[in-house]
Amino acid sequence: MDAITTTTAHWTDQLLLKIANLIVYTLFLGSGTYAVAGPVGWGTGVETYITPGVWAFSIFGIIHFLLFGTMIWQFSANGAAKFVQPLSYRFIALGLLSSLWVNLWLSQSYILALLASLAVAAVASESYYVLRANHSHNAKQALSEEIFVHFPFSLWHGWSVVLVFITAFAAFGTPVSQPAGVWTKISVFVALALMEIQAAGYAFSSTQGDVGGSAVITWTLFNIFSHQTSSGFVHWSALAFAIVSLVNLLKSVYGTGANARRITLTEESQPILPN
């Protein structure tokens, strides 16, 4: 009877918030699906010297896929403790703001989209650091957390940083239909450098690093390199920063693997106490 009561409590604990999370996830998924399957796609609208190839936006699809698992996992005991309670209203805010950005981007309302991207970045950052502070140090729990919470939110956080840059250039930058002047090249170079610095921040913020955030920045920089061929300066600058970002990504991959082994070995070395 106690086990049944405990299981029921896991499902019903903060049930309204969990249902609200599901509704907002559905809205967020719908906006992303419309951007892919609707009449107006990611590749339409103004293109600037920092616009990545349309494949860069597949990050949204990966986030949607991972969050589908998160929506199911939130009804577990660990999901409630590690996702629902720490984030509280933040997932709802982040999903609504991201959906708003998608719609403003597709409607080419770039100045409003820039404001939305800044709000997305702010809420994503707060959510990201709240979840990191609440990270499990148990190997079994940490695996499910990594899959259903930390990895999707690392991707979301990294992508929110990218959105600020590409939206700012869409709102105020020089379109590729015009030659890239000195100031355009300088501003693009600075933006690329700042993105790479963000990737380095993910890699060196802890001994473990952050694979998700580093991967998003690396993916975006390589997409900019392959897509922006009209300016040799932008093209090769993007490649240089992408390679450095790839090194940061590899450091994060190594740190994550080493940290997982360290947690496992620590648990295995603990003595078994009698009941």
C-alpha atoms as a PDB file:
ATOM      1  CA  MET A   1       0.000   0.000   0.000  1.00  0.00           C
ATOM      2  CA  ASP A   2       2.820   2.407   0.842  1.00  0.00           C
ATOM      3  CA  ALA A   3       4.498   1.731  -2.525  1.00  0.00           C
ATOM      4  CA  ILE A   4       1.237   2.428  -4.389  1.00  0.00           C
ATOM      5  CA  THR A   5       0.700   5.639  -2.435  1.00  0.00           C
ATOM      6  CA  THR A   6       4.264   6.778  -3.135  1.00  0.00           C
ATOM      7  CA  THR A   7       3.918   6.061  -6.874  1.00  0.00           C
ATOM      8  CA  THR A   8       0.624   7.968  -7.020  1.00  0.00           C
ATOM      9  CA  ALA A   9       2.227  10.902  -5.205  1.00  0.00           C
ATOM     10  CA  HIS A  10       4.951  11.046  -7.858  1.00  0.00           C
ATOM     11  CA  TRP A  11       2.322  11.404 -10.573  1.00  0.00           C
ATOM     12  CA  THR A  12       0.139  13.927  -8.790  1.00  0.00           C
ATOM     13  CA  ASP A  13       2.835  16.076  -7.198  1.00  0.00           C
ATOM     14  CA  GLN A  14       2.615  19.518  -8.854  1.00  0.00           C
ATOM     15  CA  LEU A  15       0.283  17.979 -11.441  1.00  0.00           C
ATOM     16  CA  LEU A  16      -1.011  21.305 -12.757  1.00  0.00           C
ATOM     17  CA  LEU A  17       2.533  22.472 -13.472  1.00  0.00           C
ATOM     18  CA  LYS A  18       3.305  19.219 -15.275  1.00  0.00           C
ATOM     19  CA  ILE A  19       0.175  19.574 -17.412  1.00  0.00           C
ATOM     20  CA  ALA A  20       1.114  23.188 -18.175  1.00  0.00           C
ATOM     21  CA  ASN A  21       4.561  21.972 -19.222  1.00  0.00           C
ATOM     22  CA  LEU A  22       2.937  19.502 -21.627  1.00  0.00           C
ATOM     23  CA  ILE A  23       0.698  22.181 -23.139  1.00  0.00           C
ATOM     24  CA  VAL A  24       3.589  24.582 -23.660  1.00  0.00           C
ATOM     25  CA  TYR A  25       5.756  21.796 -25.105  1.00  0.00           C
ATOM     26  CA  THR A  26       2.996  21.026 -27.618  1.00  0.00           C
ATOM     27  CA  LEU A  27       2.843  24.698 -28.602  1.00  0.00           C
ATOM     28  CA  PHE A  28       6.639  24.878 -28.931  1.00  0.00           C
ATOM     29  CA  LEU A  29       6.682  21.684 -31.006  1.00  0.00           C
ATOM     30  CA  GLY A  30       3.893  23.034 -33.206  1.00  0.00           C
ATOM     31  CA  SER A  31       5.768  26.256 -33.944  1.00  0.00           C
ATOM     32  CA  GLY A  32       8.870  24.298 -34.929  1.00  0.00           C
ATOM     33  CA  THR A  33       6.857  21.915 -37.100  1.00  0.00           C
ATOM     34  CA  TYR A  34       5.210  24.849 -38.862  1.00  0.00           C
ATOM     35  CA  ALA A  35       8.635  26.366 -39.552  1.00  0.00           C
ATOM     36  CA  VAL A  36       9.678  23.148 -41.308  1.00  0.00           C
ATOM     37  CA  ALA A  37       6.446  22.044 -43.002  1.00  0.00           C
ATOM     38  CA  GLY A  38       4.630  25.368 -43.419  1.00  0.00           C
ATOM     39  CA  PRO A  39       4.713  27.731 -46.393  1.00  0.00           C
ATOM     40  CA  VAL A  40       7.377  29.932 -44.756  1.00  0.00           C
ATOM     41  CA  GLY A  41      10.542  28.061 -43.838  1.00  0.00           C
ATOM     42  CA  TRP A  42      13.742  28.787 -41.951  1.00  0.00           C
ATOM     43  CA  GLY A  43      15.592  29.739 -45.124  1.00  0.00           C
ATOM     44  CA  THR A  44      13.269  32.560 -46.162  1.00  0.00           C
ATOM     45  CA  GLY A  45      13.716  36.207 -45.261  1.00  0.00           C
ATOM     46  CA  VAL A  46      16.791  38.365 -45.061  1.00  0.00           C
ATOM     47  CA  GLU A  47      20.190  36.677 -45.197  1.00  0.00           C
ATOM     48  CA  THR A  48      23.194  38.356 -43.655  1.00  0.00           C
ATOM     49  CA  TYR A  49      26.887  37.498 -43.541  1.00  0.00           C
ATOM     50  CA  ILE A  50      26.409  35.522 -40.332  1.00  0.00           C
ATOM     51  CA  THR A  51      23.306  33.574 -41.358  1.00  0.00           C
ATOM     52  CA  PRO A  52      24.078  29.849 -41.107  1.00  0.00           C
ATOM     53  CA  GLY A  53      22.860  27.219 -43.526  1.00  0.00           C
ATOM     54  CA  VAL A  54      19.294  26.080 -43.027  1.00  0.00           C
ATOM     55  CA  TRP A  55      20.564  22.804 -41.521  1.00  0.00           C
ATOM     56  CA  ALA A  56      21.741  24.728 -38.463  1.00  0.00           C
ATOM     57  CA  PHE A  57      18.090  25.094 -37.451  1.00  0.00           C
ATOM     58  CA  SER A  58      17.823  21.307 -37.076  1.00  0.00           C
ATOM     59  CA  ILE A  59      18.962  21.978 -33.499  1.00  0.00           C
ATOM     60  CA  PHE A  60      15.333  22.884 -32.810  1.00  0.00           C
ATOM     61  CA  GLY A  61      14.298  19.398 -33.957  1.00  0.00           C
ATOM     62  CA  ILE A  62      16.810  17.712 -31.656  1.00  0.00           C
ATOM     63  CA  ILE A  63      15.614  19.832 -28.731  1.00  0.00           C
ATOM     64  CA  HIS A  64      11.980  18.930 -29.502  1.00  0.00           C
ATOM     65  CA  PHE A  65      12.842  15.230 -29.660  1.00  0.00           C
ATOM     66  CA  LEU A  66      14.720  15.227 -26.355  1.00  0.00           C
ATOM     67  CA  LEU A  67      12.052  17.285 -24.608  1.00  0.00           C
ATOM     68  CA  PHE A  68       9.442  14.702 -25.614  1.00  0.00           C
ATOM     69  CA  GLY A  69      11.283  12.303 -23.310  1.00  0.00           C
ATOM     70  CA  THR A  70      11.513  15.020 -20.678  1.00  0.00           C
ATOM     71  CA  MET A  71       7.738  15.478 -20.706  1.00  0.00           C
ATOM     72  CA  ILE A  72       7.312  11.776 -19.899  1.00  0.00           C
ATOM     73  CA  TRP A  73      10.202  11.652 -17.428  1.00  0.00           C
ATOM     74  CA  GLN A  74       8.811  14.583 -15.431  1.00  0.00           C
ATOM     75  CA  PHE A  75       6.118  12.255 -14.033  1.00  0.00           C
ATOM     76  CA  SER A  76       8.749  10.071 -12.346  1.00  0.00           C
ATOM     77  CA  ALA A  77       9.996  10.692  -8.829  1.00  0.00           C
ATOM     78  CA  ASN A  78      13.418  11.778 -10.043  1.00  0.00           C
ATOM     79  CA  GLY A  79      11.858  13.891 -12.798  1.00  0.00           C
ATOM     80  CA  ALA A  80       9.748  15.798 -10.325  1.00  0.00           C
ATOM     81  CA  ALA A  81      12.741  16.445  -8.065  1.00  0.00           C
ATOM     82  CA  LYS A  82      15.258  17.266 -10.791  1.00  0.00           C
ATOM     83  CA  PHE A  83      13.119  19.020 -13.422  1.00  0.00           C
ATOM     84  CA  VAL A  84       9.688  20.184 -12.294  1.00  0.00           C
ATOM     85  CA  GLN A  85      10.553  21.558  -8.871  1.00  0.00           C
ATOM     86  CA  PRO A  86      13.843  23.326  -9.714  1.00  0.00           C
ATOM     87  CA  LEU A  87      12.553  24.963 -12.900  1.00  0.00           C
ATOM     88  CA  SER A  88       9.067  25.777 -11.648  1.00  0.00           C
ATOM     89  CA  TYR A  89       7.570  28.258 -14.169  1.00  0.00           C
ATOM     90  CA  ARG A  90      10.793  28.653 -16.171  1.00  0.00           C
ATOM     91  CA  PHE A  91      10.096  25.880 -18.674  1.00  0.00           C
ATOM     92  CA  ILE A  92       6.729  27.459 -19.459  1.00  0.00           C
ATOM     93  CA  ALA A  93       8.319  30.875 -19.942  1.00  0.00           C
ATOM     94  CA  LEU A  94      11.115  29.461 -22.085  1.00  0.00           C
ATOM     95  CA  GLY A  95       8.759  27.466 -24.293  1.00  0.00           C
ATOM     96  CA  LEU A  96       6.406  30.414 -24.831  1.00  0.00           C
ATOM     97  CA  LEU A  97       9.234  32.848 -25.584  1.00  0.00           C
ATOM     98  CA  SER A  98      10.892  30.404 -27.987  1.00  0.00           C
ATOM     99  CA  SER A  99       7.582  29.896 -29.799  1.00  0.00           C
ATOM    100  CA  LEU A 100       7.190  33.671 -29.981  1.00  0.00           C
ATOM    101  CA  TRP A 101      10.670  34.028 -31.471  1.00  0.00           C
ATOM    102  CA  VAL A 102       9.902  31.412 -34.132  1.00  0.00           C
ATOM    103  CA  ASN A 103       6.745  33.228 -35.203  1.00  0.00           C
ATOM    104  CA  LEU A 104       8.420  36.649 -35.231  1.00  0.00           C
ATOM    105  CA  TRP A 105      11.365  35.261 -37.217  1.00  0.00           C
ATOM    106  CA  LEU A 106       9.099  33.645 -39.802  1.00  0.00           C
ATOM    107  CA  SER A 107       7.073  36.848 -40.137  1.00  0.00           C
ATOM    108  CA  GLN A 108      10.377  38.756 -40.628  1.00  0.00           C
ATOM    109  CA  SER A 109       9.685  41.066 -37.684  1.00  0.00           C
ATOM    110  CA  TYR A 110      13.370  41.071 -36.862  1.00  0.00           C
ATOM    111  CA  ILE A 111      13.557  43.869 -34.298  1.00  0.00           C
ATOM    112  CA  LEU A 112      10.783  42.283 -32.245  1.00  0.00           C
ATOM    113  CA  ALA A 113      12.422  38.891 -32.808  1.00  0.00           C
ATOM    114  CA  LEU A 114      15.669  40.310 -31.407  1.00  0.00           C
ATOM    115  CA  LEU A 115      13.877  41.380 -28.229  1.00  0.00           C
ATOM    116  CA  ALA A 116      12.331  37.917 -27.998  1.00  0.00           C
ATOM    117  CA  SER A 117      15.735  36.256 -28.518  1.00  0.00           C
ATOM    118  CA  LEU A 118      17.224  38.295 -25.674  1.00  0.00           C
ATOM    119  CA  ALA A 119      14.375  37.178 -23.421  1.00  0.00           C
ATOM    120  CA  VAL A 120      14.883  33.558 -24.520  1.00  0.00           C
ATOM    121  CA  ALA A 121      18.610  33.804 -23.751  1.00  0.00           C
ATOM    122  CA  ALA A 122      17.924  35.289 -20.315  1.00  0.00           C
ATOM    123  CA  VAL A 123      15.423  32.604 -19.268  1.00  0.00           C
ATOM    124  CA  ALA A 124      17.511  29.822 -20.853  1.00  0.00           C
ATOM    125  CA  SER A 125      20.563  30.996 -18.896  1.00  0.00           C
ATOM    126  CA  GLU A 126      18.679  31.102 -15.608  1.00  0.00           C
ATOM    127  CA  SER A 127      17.187  27.645 -16.257  1.00  0.00           C
ATOM    128  CA  TYR A 128      20.568  26.250 -17.289  1.00  0.00           C
ATOM    129  CA  TYR A 129      22.334  27.369 -14.106  1.00  0.00           C
ATOM    130  CA  VAL A 130      19.452  26.334 -11.839  1.00  0.00           C
ATOM    131  CA  LEU A 131      19.594  22.811 -13.281  1.00  0.00           C
ATOM    132  CA  ARG A 132      23.394  22.662 -13.020  1.00  0.00           C
ATOM    133  CA  ALA A 133      23.202  23.629  -9.345  1.00  0.00           C
ATOM    134  CA  ASN A 134      20.723  20.801  -8.786  1.00  0.00           C
ATOM    135  CA  HIS A 135      22.754  18.138 -10.633  1.00  0.00           C
ATOM    136  CA  SER A 136      22.824  14.607  -9.178  1.00  0.00           C
ATOM    137  CA  HIS A 137      26.100  12.976  -8.137  1.00  0.00           C
ATOM    138  CA  ASN A 138      24.684   9.464  -8.303  1.00  0.00           C
ATOM    139  CA  ALA A 139      25.669   7.563 -11.457  1.00  0.00           C
ATOM    140  CA  LYS A 140      22.280   5.931 -12.032  1.00  0.00           C
ATOM    141  CA  GLN A 141      20.348   9.155 -11.493  1.00  0.00           C
ATOM    142  CA  ALA A 142      22.882  11.275 -13.379  1.00  0.00           C
ATOM    143  CA  LEU A 143      22.424   9.263 -16.606  1.00  0.00           C
ATOM    144  CA  SER A 144      18.683   9.864 -16.845  1.00  0.00           C
ATOM    145  CA  GLU A 145      19.165  13.473 -15.817  1.00  0.00           C
ATOM    146  CA  GLU A 146      21.793  13.990 -18.500  1.00  0.00           C
ATOM    147  CA  ILE A 147      19.521  12.597 -21.220  1.00  0.00           C
ATOM    148  CA  PHE A 148      16.233  14.200 -20.231  1.00  0.00           C
ATOM    149  CA  VAL A 149      17.307  17.459 -18.572  1.00  0.00           C
ATOM    150  CA  HIS A 150      20.888  18.640 -18.885  1.00  0.00           C
ATOM    151  CA  PHE A 151      21.589  17.725 -22.507  1.00  0.00           C
ATOM    152  CA  PRO A 152      18.413  19.284 -23.990  1.00  0.00           C
ATOM    153  CA  PHE A 153      18.807  22.401 -21.862  1.00  0.00           C
ATOM    154  CA  SER A 154      22.495  22.671 -22.754  1.00  0.00           C
ATOM    155  CA  LEU A 155      21.483  22.573 -26.429  1.00  0.00           C
ATOM    156  CA  TRP A 156      18.724  25.095 -25.777  1.00  0.00           C
ATOM    157  CA  HIS A 157      21.079  27.423 -23.918  1.00  0.00           C
ATOM    158  CA  GLY A 158      23.735  27.276 -26.632  1.00  0.00           C
ATOM    159  CA  TRP A 159      21.145  27.770 -29.346  1.00  0.00           C
ATOM    160  CA  SER A 160      19.671  30.773 -27.517  1.00  0.00           C
ATOM    161  CA  VAL A 161      23.111  32.419 -27.702  1.00  0.00           C
ATOM    162  CA  VAL A 162      23.264  31.748 -31.457  1.00  0.00           C
ATOM    163  CA  LEU A 163      19.758  33.152 -31.950  1.00  0.00           C
ATOM    164  CA  VAL A 164      20.755  36.488 -30.419  1.00  0.00           C
ATOM    165  CA  PHE A 165      23.572  36.929 -32.939  1.00  0.00           C
ATOM    166  CA  ILE A 166      21.750  35.833 -36.086  1.00  0.00           C
ATOM    167  CA  THR A 167      18.653  37.832 -35.127  1.00  0.00           C
ATOM    168  CA  ALA A 168      20.658  40.962 -34.347  1.00  0.00           C
ATOM    169  CA  PHE A 169      22.325  40.787 -37.759  1.00  0.00           C
ATOM    170  CA  ALA A 170      18.962  40.158 -39.436  1.00  0.00           C
ATOM    171  CA  ALA A 171      17.608  43.281 -37.745  1.00  0.00           C
ATOM    172  CA  PHE A 172      20.556  45.626 -38.263  1.00  0.00           C
ATOM    173  CA  GLY A 173      23.233  43.888 -40.340  1.00  0.00           C
ATOM    174  CA  THR A 174      24.179  44.116 -44.004  1.00  0.00           C
ATOM    175  CA  PRO A 175      22.366  41.641 -46.281  1.00  0.00           C
ATOM    176  CA  VAL A 176      24.510  39.419 -48.507  1.00  0.00           C
ATOM    177  CA  SER A 177      22.963  41.134 -51.532  1.00  0.00           C
ATOM    178  CA  GLN A 178      25.276  44.064 -50.696  1.00  0.00           C
ATOM    179  CA  PRO A 179      29.099  43.894 -50.573  1.00  0.00           C
ATOM    180  CA  ALA A 180      30.605  43.313 -47.156  1.00  0.00           C
ATOM    181  CA  GLY A 181      32.321  46.504 -46.038  1.00  0.00           C
ATOM    182  CA  VAL A 182      35.014  46.877 -43.407  1.00  0.00           C
ATOM    183  CA  TRP A 183      32.580  47.408 -40.546  1.00  0.00           C
ATOM    184  CA  THR A 184      30.474  44.449 -41.617  1.00  0.00           C
ATOM    185  CA  LYS A 185      33.539  42.210 -41.624  1.00  0.00           C
ATOM    186  CA  ILE A 186      34.650  43.511 -38.236  1.00  0.00           C
ATOM    187  CA  SER A 187      31.200  43.004 -36.684  1.00  0.00           C
ATOM    188  CA  VAL A 188      30.912  39.481 -38.099  1.00  0.00           C
ATOM    189  CA  PHE A 189      34.427  38.636 -36.857  1.00  0.00           C
ATOM    190  CA  VAL A 190      33.571  39.885 -33.368  1.00  0.00           C
ATOM    191  CA  ALA A 191      30.314  37.904 -33.356  1.00  0.00           C
ATOM    192  CA  LEU A 192      32.110  34.731 -34.432  1.00  0.00           C
ATOM    193  CA  ALA A 193      34.754  35.296 -31.756  1.00  0.00           C
ATOM    194  CA  LEU A 194      32.109  35.782 -29.073  1.00  0.00           C
ATOM    195  CA  MET A 195      30.387  32.551 -30.073  1.00  0.00           C
ATOM    196  CA  GLU A 196      33.692  30.695 -29.886  1.00  0.00           C
ATOM    197  CA  ILE A 197      34.372  32.238 -26.474  1.00  0.00           C
ATOM    198  CA  GLN A 198      30.996  30.888 -25.378  1.00  0.00           C
ATOM    199  CA  ALA A 199      32.062  27.437 -26.580  1.00  0.00           C
ATOM    200  CA  ALA A 200      35.268  27.768 -24.552  1.00  0.00           C
ATOM    201  CA  GLY A 201      33.186  28.786 -21.559  1.00  0.00           C
ATOM    202  CA  TYR A 202      31.182  25.571 -21.869  1.00  0.00           C
ATOM    203  CA  ALA A 203      34.365  23.518 -22.093  1.00  0.00           C
ATOM    204  CA  PHE A 204      36.229  25.112 -19.175  1.00  0.00           C
ATOM    205  CA  SER A 205      33.419  26.111 -16.812  1.00  0.00           C
ATOM    206  CA  SER A 206      33.996  22.819 -14.987  1.00  0.00           C
ATOM    207  CA  THR A 207      36.205  19.745 -15.184  1.00  0.00           C
ATOM    208  CA  GLN A 208      33.325  17.931 -16.863  1.00  0.00           C
ATOM    209  CA  GLY A 209      32.628  20.565 -19.494  1.00  0.00           C
ATOM    210  CA  ASP A 210      29.365  20.844 -21.416  1.00  0.00           C
ATOM    211  CA  VAL A 211      28.993  18.742 -24.556  1.00  0.00           C
ATOM    212  CA  GLY A 212      25.587  20.102 -25.587  1.00  0.00           C
ATOM    213  CA  GLY A 213      26.458  23.784 -25.530  1.00  0.00           C
ATOM    214  CA  SER A 214      29.851  23.241 -27.173  1.00  0.00           C
ATOM    215  CA  ALA A 215      28.256  21.102 -29.889  1.00  0.00           C
ATOM    216  CA  VAL A 216      25.686  23.764 -30.798  1.00  0.00           C
ATOM    217  CA  ILE A 217      28.298  26.494 -31.192  1.00  0.00           C
ATOM    218  CA  THR A 218      30.584  24.211 -33.216  1.00  0.00           C
ATOM    219  CA  TRP A 219      27.711  23.075 -35.454  1.00  0.00           C
ATOM    220  CA  THR A 220      26.650  26.676 -36.091  1.00  0.00           C
ATOM    221  CA  LEU A 221      30.155  27.911 -36.919  1.00  0.00           C
ATOM    222  CA  PHE A 222      30.722  25.098 -39.406  1.00  0.00           C
ATOM    223  CA  ASN A 223      27.326  25.898 -40.959  1.00  0.00           C
ATOM    224  CA  ILE A 224      28.281  29.562 -41.322  1.00  0.00           C
ATOM    225  CA  PHE A 225      31.563  28.515 -42.925  1.00  0.00           C
ATOM    226  CA  SER A 226      29.866  26.251 -45.484  1.00  0.00           C
ATOM    227  CA  HIS A 227      27.034  28.684 -46.237  1.00  0.00           C
ATOM    228  CA  GLN A 228      28.800  32.056 -46.358  1.00  0.00           C
ATOM    229  CA  THR A 229      30.949  31.855 -49.478  1.00  0.00           C
ATOM    230  CA  SER A 230      30.392  35.333 -50.938  1.00  0.00           C
ATOM    231  CA  SER A 231      32.961  36.856 -48.573  1.00  0.00           C
ATOM    232  CA  GLY A 232      36.282  35.061 -48.282  1.00  0.00           C
ATOM    233  CA  PHE A 233      37.048  36.861 -45.029  1.00  0.00           C
ATOM    234  CA  VAL A 234      33.814  35.688 -43.384  1.00  0.00           C
ATOM    235  CA  HIS A 235      34.117  32.219 -44.912  1.00  0.00           C
ATOM    236  CA  TRP A 236      37.604  31.470 -43.618  1.00  0.00           C
ATOM    237  CA  SER A 237      37.138  33.299 -40.317  1.00  0.00           C
ATOM    238  CA  ALA A 238      34.152  31.065 -39.586  1.00  0.00           C
ATOM    239  CA  LEU A 239      36.252  27.984 -40.362  1.00  0.00           C
ATOM    240  CA  ALA A 240      39.054  29.107 -38.044  1.00  0.00           C
ATOM    241  CA  PHE A 241      36.680  29.695 -35.145  1.00  0.00           C
ATOM    242  CA  ALA A 242      34.827  26.445 -35.908  1.00  0.00           C
ATOM    243  CA  ILE A 243      38.053  24.452 -35.617  1.00  0.00           C
ATOM    244  CA  VAL A 244      38.917  26.073 -32.278  1.00  0.00           C
ATOM    245  CA  SER A 245      35.361  25.422 -31.117  1.00  0.00           C
ATOM    246  CA  LEU A 246      35.718  21.785 -32.164  1.00  0.00           C
ATOM    247  CA  VAL A 247      38.739  21.484 -29.871  1.00  0.00           C
ATOM    248  CA  ASN A 248      36.599  22.835 -27.033  1.00  0.00           C
ATOM    249  CA  LEU A 249      33.899  20.301 -27.885  1.00  0.00           C
ATOM    250  CA  LEU A 250      36.399  17.443 -27.743  1.00  0.00           C
ATOM    251  CA  LYS A 251      37.589  18.697 -24.364  1.00  0.00           C
ATOM    252  CA  SER A 252      33.989  18.606 -23.114  1.00  0.00           C
ATOM    253  CA  VAL A 253      33.481  15.084 -24.464  1.00  0.00           C
ATOM    254  CA  TYR A 254      36.631  13.890 -22.687  1.00  0.00           C
ATOM    255  CA  GLY A 255      35.670  15.677 -19.452  1.00  0.00           C
ATOM    256  CA  THR A 256      32.168  14.203 -19.475  1.00  0.00           C
ATOM    257  CA  GLY A 257      33.508  10.683 -19.957  1.00  0.00           C
ATOM    258  CA  ALA A 258      36.132  11.112 -17.238  1.00  0.00           C
ATOM    259  CA  ASN A 259      33.546  12.504 -14.827  1.00  0.00           C
ATOM    260  CA  ALA A 260      31.186   9.571 -15.447  1.00  0.00           C
ATOM    261  CA  ARG A 261      33.994   7.090 -14.771  1.00  0.00           C
ATOM    262  CA  ARG A 262      34.975   8.957 -11.601  1.00  0.00           C
ATOM    263  CA  ILE A 263      31.403   8.852 -10.232  1.00  0.00           C
ATOM    264  CA  THR A 264      31.069   5.141 -11.038  1.00  0.00           C
ATOM    265  CA  LEU A 265      34.393   4.230  -9.423  1.00  0.00           C
ATOM    266  CA  THR A 266      33.540   6.280  -6.325  1.00  0.00           C
ATOM    267  CA  GLU A 267      30.231   4.459  -5.888  1.00  0.00           C
ATOM    268  CA  GLU A 268      31.846   1.037  -6.464  1.00  0.00           C
ATOM    269  CA  SER A 269      34.513   1.748  -3.830  1.00  0.00           C
ATOM    270  CA  GLN A 270      31.976   2.627  -1.125  1.00  0.00           C
ATOM    271  CA  PRO A 271      31.621  -0.097   1.522  1.00  0.00           C
ATOM    272  CA  ILE A 272      28.341  -2.022   1.714  1.00  0.00           C
ATOM    273  CA  LEU A 273      26.821  -1.326   5.132  1.00  0.00           C
ATOM    274  CA  PRO A 274      24.656  -3.897   6.827  1.00  0.00           C
ATOM    275  CA  ASN A 275      20.969  -3.108   7.271  1.00  0.00           C
END
